[in-house]
Amino acid sequence: MAGGRRQAPPREDVLAAAMEMIAERGLEKLTMAALGREVGMSSGHLLYYFGSKDELLLRTLEWSEGRLGTERGRLLTRAASARERLDAYVDLYVPDGHRDPHWTLWLEVWNRSQTADETARDRQAAIEGVWHRDLVALLAEGISRGEFRRVDPDRFAARLRSLLDGFAIHVAIGLRGTDRAQVLQHVREFLEDSLLADT
């Protein structure tokens, strides 16, 4: 209706705009006021929808993880060897480079989790959980096919993800002497030494 009250954009559009702002301007520029200007809403209206910036960040991370989950599912169910799919998992996990927006957001949410309530911490754990379960299933499949050594899939997945997290943080913060290509090579060597079946 002309001259009527302007409708708020769909919540997904707000989350997409938040992610785009992080990618283009950095997390420090993502304020409720700046995001409101971007999507045509007041900061008060955004607070009404999300309650706090912490909740906005967590919702944005969940939205981004949903998109990554779709891509991960596509990679892990394609017709390829378990090793090829494991390489694809690692490639998707490791940041694209310094200030990768997804990892920038992850690091901020992790930092804020120190004071988060139990519900928020459960939601963060749920995000971690799907990555872990997918990796455990892939490892178990590779073991059953004889592509991987007979390791405990759950324990190996926990160790591999810890290795990936450590390297990913180095890449995301731009630690000198650690870039994506070097990290991928380190992980390849680790997998060859510890997981690939002896030939």
C-alpha atoms as a PDB file:
ATOM      1  CA  MET A   1       0.000   0.000   0.000  1.00  0.00           C
ATOM      2  CA  ALA A   2       1.502   3.338  -1.062  1.00  0.00           C
ATOM      3  CA  GLY A   3       2.625   5.442   1.847  1.00  0.00           C
ATOM      4  CA  GLY A   4       2.072   2.547   4.244  1.00  0.00           C
ATOM      5  CA  ARG A   5       4.488   1.212   6.764  1.00  0.00           C
ATOM      6  CA  ARG A   6       7.577  -0.319   5.174  1.00  0.00           C
ATOM      7  CA  GLN A   7       7.868  -4.038   5.747  1.00  0.00           C
ATOM      8  CA  ALA A   8      10.998  -5.405   7.377  1.00  0.00           C
ATOM      9  CA  PRO A   9      13.183  -7.527   5.117  1.00  0.00           C
ATOM     10  CA  PRO A  10      13.072 -11.286   5.650  1.00  0.00           C
ATOM     11  CA  ARG A  11      15.341 -12.400   8.466  1.00  0.00           C
ATOM     12  CA  GLU A  12      17.536 -14.354   6.029  1.00  0.00           C
ATOM     13  CA  ASP A  13      18.183 -11.143   4.080  1.00  0.00           C
ATOM     14  CA  VAL A  14      19.355  -9.470   7.293  1.00  0.00           C
ATOM     15  CA  LEU A  15      21.708 -12.369   8.055  1.00  0.00           C
ATOM     16  CA  ALA A  16      23.057 -12.343   4.500  1.00  0.00           C
ATOM     17  CA  ALA A  17      23.647  -8.596   4.760  1.00  0.00           C
ATOM     18  CA  ALA A  18      25.475  -9.059   8.063  1.00  0.00           C
ATOM     19  CA  MET A  19      27.748 -11.682   6.497  1.00  0.00           C
ATOM     20  CA  GLU A  20      28.402  -9.446   3.500  1.00  0.00           C
ATOM     21  CA  MET A  21      29.328  -6.542   5.784  1.00  0.00           C
ATOM     22  CA  ILE A  22      31.798  -8.760   7.651  1.00  0.00           C
ATOM     23  CA  ALA A  23      33.338  -9.847   4.335  1.00  0.00           C
ATOM     24  CA  GLU A  24      33.602  -6.329   2.907  1.00  0.00           C
ATOM     25  CA  ARG A  25      34.311  -4.171   5.959  1.00  0.00           C
ATOM     26  CA  GLY A  26      35.360  -6.455   8.799  1.00  0.00           C
ATOM     27  CA  LEU A  27      33.566  -7.440  11.970  1.00  0.00           C
ATOM     28  CA  GLU A  28      34.450  -4.210  13.775  1.00  0.00           C
ATOM     29  CA  LYS A  29      32.245  -2.273  11.310  1.00  0.00           C
ATOM     30  CA  LEU A  30      29.227  -4.507  11.939  1.00  0.00           C
ATOM     31  CA  THR A  31      27.125  -2.486  14.364  1.00  0.00           C
ATOM     32  CA  MET A  32      23.370  -2.635  14.758  1.00  0.00           C
ATOM     33  CA  ALA A  33      23.133   0.912  13.398  1.00  0.00           C
ATOM     34  CA  ALA A  34      25.283   0.154  10.330  1.00  0.00           C
ATOM     35  CA  LEU A  35      23.415  -3.072   9.604  1.00  0.00           C
ATOM     36  CA  GLY A  36      20.119  -1.268  10.051  1.00  0.00           C
ATOM     37  CA  ARG A  37      21.143   1.319   7.439  1.00  0.00           C
ATOM     38  CA  GLU A  38      22.149  -1.507   5.106  1.00  0.00           C
ATOM     39  CA  VAL A  39      18.782  -3.275   5.297  1.00  0.00           C
ATOM     40  CA  GLY A  40      16.522  -0.272   5.844  1.00  0.00           C
ATOM     41  CA  MET A  41      15.668  -0.940   9.489  1.00  0.00           C
ATOM     42  CA  SER A  42      16.309   0.920  12.712  1.00  0.00           C
ATOM     43  CA  SER A  43      18.788  -0.508  15.198  1.00  0.00           C
ATOM     44  CA  GLY A  44      15.865  -0.729  17.644  1.00  0.00           C
ATOM     45  CA  HIS A  45      13.929  -2.861  15.166  1.00  0.00           C
ATOM     46  CA  LEU A  46      16.956  -5.151  14.775  1.00  0.00           C
ATOM     47  CA  LEU A  47      17.236  -5.458  18.543  1.00  0.00           C
ATOM     48  CA  TYR A  48      13.549  -6.355  18.662  1.00  0.00           C
ATOM     49  CA  TYR A  49      14.195  -9.212  16.219  1.00  0.00           C
ATOM     50  CA  PHE A  50      17.489 -10.467  17.648  1.00  0.00           C
ATOM     51  CA  GLY A  51      17.614  -9.221  21.238  1.00  0.00           C
ATOM     52  CA  SER A  52      21.343  -8.518  21.226  1.00  0.00           C
ATOM     53  CA  LYS A  53      24.370  -8.341  18.989  1.00  0.00           C
ATOM     54  CA  ASP A  54      25.521 -11.687  20.411  1.00  0.00           C
ATOM     55  CA  GLU A  55      22.312 -13.289  19.161  1.00  0.00           C
ATOM     56  CA  LEU A  56      22.649 -11.604  15.759  1.00  0.00           C
ATOM     57  CA  LEU A  57      26.189 -12.983  15.414  1.00  0.00           C
ATOM     58  CA  LEU A  58      25.163 -16.485  16.447  1.00  0.00           C
ATOM     59  CA  ARG A  59      22.174 -16.468  14.089  1.00  0.00           C
ATOM     60  CA  THR A  60      24.407 -15.245  11.269  1.00  0.00           C
ATOM     61  CA  LEU A  61      26.875 -18.035  12.017  1.00  0.00           C
ATOM     62  CA  GLU A  62      24.078 -20.623  12.036  1.00  0.00           C
ATOM     63  CA  TRP A  63      22.844 -19.290   8.693  1.00  0.00           C
ATOM     64  CA  SER A  64      26.347 -19.404   7.206  1.00  0.00           C
ATOM     65  CA  GLU A  65      26.904 -22.897   8.616  1.00  0.00           C
ATOM     66  CA  GLY A  66      23.651 -24.035   7.022  1.00  0.00           C
ATOM     67  CA  ARG A  67      25.002 -23.022   3.636  1.00  0.00           C
ATOM     68  CA  LEU A  68      28.344 -24.706   4.356  1.00  0.00           C
ATOM     69  CA  GLY A  69      26.476 -27.805   5.529  1.00  0.00           C
ATOM     70  CA  THR A  70      24.701 -28.046   2.188  1.00  0.00           C
ATOM     71  CA  GLU A  71      28.026 -27.799   0.370  1.00  0.00           C
ATOM     72  CA  ARG A  72      29.642 -30.317   2.740  1.00  0.00           C
ATOM     73  CA  GLY A  73      26.794 -32.757   2.168  1.00  0.00           C
ATOM     74  CA  ARG A  74      27.196 -32.435  -1.592  1.00  0.00           C
ATOM     75  CA  LEU A  75      30.948 -33.063  -1.382  1.00  0.00           C
ATOM     76  CA  LEU A  76      30.671 -36.011   0.998  1.00  0.00           C
ATOM     77  CA  THR A  77      27.949 -37.856  -0.946  1.00  0.00           C
ATOM     78  CA  ARG A  78      29.491 -37.567  -4.412  1.00  0.00           C
ATOM     79  CA  ALA A  79      30.916 -40.575  -6.206  1.00  0.00           C
ATOM     80  CA  ALA A  80      34.564 -40.474  -5.140  1.00  0.00           C
ATOM     81  CA  SER A  81      36.990 -42.344  -2.922  1.00  0.00           C
ATOM     82  CA  ALA A  82      36.892 -41.706   0.818  1.00  0.00           C
ATOM     83  CA  ARG A  83      40.329 -40.071   0.525  1.00  0.00           C
ATOM     84  CA  GLU A  84      39.136 -37.664  -2.178  1.00  0.00           C
ATOM     85  CA  ARG A  85      36.111 -36.744  -0.084  1.00  0.00           C
ATOM     86  CA  LEU A  86      38.295 -36.307   2.998  1.00  0.00           C
ATOM     87  CA  ASP A  87      40.477 -33.890   1.021  1.00  0.00           C
ATOM     88  CA  ALA A  88      37.300 -32.010   0.023  1.00  0.00           C
ATOM     89  CA  TYR A  89      36.199 -31.864   3.690  1.00  0.00           C
ATOM     90  CA  VAL A  90      39.577 -30.420   4.707  1.00  0.00           C
ATOM     91  CA  ASP A  91      39.494 -27.946   1.817  1.00  0.00           C
ATOM     92  CA  LEU A  92      36.063 -26.713   2.904  1.00  0.00           C
ATOM     93  CA  TYR A  93      37.131 -26.511   6.576  1.00  0.00           C
ATOM     94  CA  VAL A  94      40.283 -24.407   6.128  1.00  0.00           C
ATOM     95  CA  PRO A  95      39.718 -20.630   5.680  1.00  0.00           C
ATOM     96  CA  ASP A  96      40.200 -19.101   2.257  1.00  0.00           C
ATOM     97  CA  GLY A  97      42.749 -16.704   3.732  1.00  0.00           C
ATOM     98  CA  HIS A  98      43.327 -13.837   6.139  1.00  0.00           C
ATOM     99  CA  ARG A  99      40.041 -12.330   7.379  1.00  0.00           C
ATOM    100  CA  ASP A 100      37.920 -15.098   5.873  1.00  0.00           C
ATOM    101  CA  PRO A 101      34.452 -13.804   6.882  1.00  0.00           C
ATOM    102  CA  HIS A 102      33.091 -17.139   8.074  1.00  0.00           C
ATOM    103  CA  TRP A 103      36.102 -17.780  10.289  1.00  0.00           C
ATOM    104  CA  THR A 104      36.173 -14.151  11.461  1.00  0.00           C
ATOM    105  CA  LEU A 105      32.605 -14.645  12.640  1.00  0.00           C
ATOM    106  CA  TRP A 106      33.396 -18.032  14.198  1.00  0.00           C
ATOM    107  CA  LEU A 107      36.286 -16.581  16.185  1.00  0.00           C
ATOM    108  CA  GLU A 108      34.094 -13.784  17.507  1.00  0.00           C
ATOM    109  CA  VAL A 109      31.312 -16.167  18.533  1.00  0.00           C
ATOM    110  CA  TRP A 110      33.842 -18.457  20.228  1.00  0.00           C
ATOM    111  CA  ASN A 111      35.261 -15.475  22.107  1.00  0.00           C
ATOM    112  CA  ARG A 112      31.795 -14.366  23.229  1.00  0.00           C
ATOM    113  CA  SER A 113      30.891 -17.917  24.274  1.00  0.00           C
ATOM    114  CA  GLN A 114      32.842 -17.410  27.495  1.00  0.00           C
ATOM    115  CA  THR A 115      29.919 -15.374  28.815  1.00  0.00           C
ATOM    116  CA  ALA A 116      27.131 -16.971  26.741  1.00  0.00           C
ATOM    117  CA  ASP A 117      24.187 -18.742  28.347  1.00  0.00           C
ATOM    118  CA  GLU A 118      23.728 -22.510  28.135  1.00  0.00           C
ATOM    119  CA  THR A 119      21.282 -22.302  25.240  1.00  0.00           C
ATOM    120  CA  ALA A 120      23.741 -20.341  23.102  1.00  0.00           C
ATOM    121  CA  ARG A 121      26.539 -22.746  24.033  1.00  0.00           C
ATOM    122  CA  ASP A 122      24.328 -25.694  23.067  1.00  0.00           C
ATOM    123  CA  ARG A 123      23.692 -24.093  19.686  1.00  0.00           C
ATOM    124  CA  GLN A 124      27.432 -23.618  19.154  1.00  0.00           C
ATOM    125  CA  ALA A 125      28.016 -27.246  20.130  1.00  0.00           C
ATOM    126  CA  ALA A 126      25.372 -28.317  17.604  1.00  0.00           C
ATOM    127  CA  ILE A 127      27.312 -26.572  14.831  1.00  0.00           C
ATOM    128  CA  GLU A 128      30.507 -28.326  15.888  1.00  0.00           C
ATOM    129  CA  GLY A 129      28.640 -31.602  16.212  1.00  0.00           C
ATOM    130  CA  VAL A 130      27.552 -31.878  12.583  1.00  0.00           C
ATOM    131  CA  TRP A 131      31.102 -31.328  11.330  1.00  0.00           C
ATOM    132  CA  HIS A 132      32.291 -34.019  13.731  1.00  0.00           C
ATOM    133  CA  ARG A 133      29.587 -36.558  12.855  1.00  0.00           C
ATOM    134  CA  ASP A 134      30.172 -36.131   9.124  1.00  0.00           C
ATOM    135  CA  LEU A 135      33.895 -36.666   9.580  1.00  0.00           C
ATOM    136  CA  VAL A 136      33.398 -39.746  11.794  1.00  0.00           C
ATOM    137  CA  ALA A 137      31.076 -41.293   9.199  1.00  0.00           C
ATOM    138  CA  LEU A 138      33.556 -40.615   6.397  1.00  0.00           C
ATOM    139  CA  LEU A 139      36.446 -42.095   8.371  1.00  0.00           C
ATOM    140  CA  ALA A 140      34.405 -45.197   9.239  1.00  0.00           C
ATOM    141  CA  GLU A 141      33.533 -45.659   5.577  1.00  0.00           C
ATOM    142  CA  GLY A 142      37.170 -45.304   4.503  1.00  0.00           C
ATOM    143  CA  ILE A 143      38.239 -47.853   7.132  1.00  0.00           C
ATOM    144  CA  SER A 144      35.575 -50.335   6.040  1.00  0.00           C
ATOM    145  CA  ARG A 145      36.731 -50.010   2.420  1.00  0.00           C
ATOM    146  CA  GLY A 146      40.362 -50.536   3.339  1.00  0.00           C
ATOM    147  CA  GLU A 147      41.399 -47.018   2.279  1.00  0.00           C
ATOM    148  CA  PHE A 148      42.278 -45.940   5.818  1.00  0.00           C
ATOM    149  CA  ARG A 149      44.066 -47.657   8.660  1.00  0.00           C
ATOM    150  CA  ARG A 150      41.968 -49.157  11.427  1.00  0.00           C
ATOM    151  CA  VAL A 151      41.794 -46.150  13.746  1.00  0.00           C
ATOM    152  CA  ASP A 152      39.017 -45.211  16.155  1.00  0.00           C
ATOM    153  CA  PRO A 153      36.974 -42.874  13.913  1.00  0.00           C
ATOM    154  CA  ASP A 154      35.623 -40.743  16.768  1.00  0.00           C
ATOM    155  CA  ARG A 155      39.007 -40.209  18.433  1.00  0.00           C
ATOM    156  CA  PHE A 156      40.774 -39.607  15.134  1.00  0.00           C
ATOM    157  CA  ALA A 157      38.087 -37.093  14.083  1.00  0.00           C
ATOM    158  CA  ALA A 158      38.496 -35.183  17.363  1.00  0.00           C
ATOM    159  CA  ARG A 159      42.260 -34.974  16.862  1.00  0.00           C
ATOM    160  CA  LEU A 160      42.052 -34.052  13.186  1.00  0.00           C
ATOM    161  CA  ARG A 161      39.506 -31.305  13.853  1.00  0.00           C
ATOM    162  CA  SER A 162      41.686 -29.893  16.626  1.00  0.00           C
ATOM    163  CA  LEU A 163      44.595 -29.807  14.194  1.00  0.00           C
ATOM    164  CA  LEU A 164      42.403 -28.128  11.575  1.00  0.00           C
ATOM    165  CA  ASP A 165      41.088 -25.582  14.093  1.00  0.00           C
ATOM    166  CA  GLY A 166      44.605 -24.609  15.141  1.00  0.00           C
ATOM    167  CA  PHE A 167      45.808 -24.198  11.581  1.00  0.00           C
ATOM    168  CA  ALA A 168      42.569 -22.452  10.548  1.00  0.00           C
ATOM    169  CA  ILE A 169      43.008 -19.816  13.249  1.00  0.00           C
ATOM    170  CA  HIS A 170      46.551 -19.129  11.996  1.00  0.00           C
ATOM    171  CA  VAL A 171      45.248 -18.625   8.460  1.00  0.00           C
ATOM    172  CA  ALA A 172      42.225 -16.545   9.507  1.00  0.00           C
ATOM    173  CA  ILE A 173      44.256 -14.105  11.621  1.00  0.00           C
ATOM    174  CA  GLY A 174      46.991 -13.876   9.017  1.00  0.00           C
ATOM    175  CA  LEU A 175      49.790 -15.284  11.161  1.00  0.00           C
ATOM    176  CA  ARG A 176      53.001 -14.658   9.258  1.00  0.00           C
ATOM    177  CA  GLY A 177      54.506 -17.759   7.707  1.00  0.00           C
ATOM    178  CA  THR A 178      51.231 -19.706   7.700  1.00  0.00           C
ATOM    179  CA  ASP A 179      49.072 -19.540   4.611  1.00  0.00           C
ATOM    180  CA  ARG A 180      46.330 -21.774   3.254  1.00  0.00           C
ATOM    181  CA  ALA A 181      48.592 -23.689   0.858  1.00  0.00           C
ATOM    182  CA  GLN A 182      51.082 -24.491   3.639  1.00  0.00           C
ATOM    183  CA  VAL A 183      48.299 -25.633   5.948  1.00  0.00           C
ATOM    184  CA  LEU A 184      46.791 -27.938   3.331  1.00  0.00           C
ATOM    185  CA  GLN A 185      50.219 -29.463   2.740  1.00  0.00           C
ATOM    186  CA  HIS A 186      50.754 -30.024   6.479  1.00  0.00           C
ATOM    187  CA  VAL A 187      47.351 -31.730   6.743  1.00  0.00           C
ATOM    188  CA  ARG A 188      48.018 -33.899   3.680  1.00  0.00           C
ATOM    189  CA  GLU A 189      51.294 -35.065   5.213  1.00  0.00           C
ATOM    190  CA  PHE A 190      49.599 -35.750   8.562  1.00  0.00           C
ATOM    191  CA  LEU A 191      46.913 -37.858   6.873  1.00  0.00           C
ATOM    192  CA  GLU A 192      49.469 -39.771   4.834  1.00  0.00           C
ATOM    193  CA  ASP A 193      51.497 -40.555   7.959  1.00  0.00           C
ATOM    194  CA  SER A 194      48.649 -41.405  10.293  1.00  0.00           C
ATOM    195  CA  LEU A 195      45.627 -42.553   8.309  1.00  0.00           C
ATOM    196  CA  LEU A 196      46.337 -43.878   4.838  1.00  0.00           C
ATOM    197  CA  ALA A 197      46.421 -47.645   4.657  1.00  0.00           C
ATOM    198  CA  ASP A 198      49.834 -49.207   4.139  1.00  0.00           C
ATOM    199  CA  THR A 199      50.325 -50.371   0.591  1.00  0.00           C
END
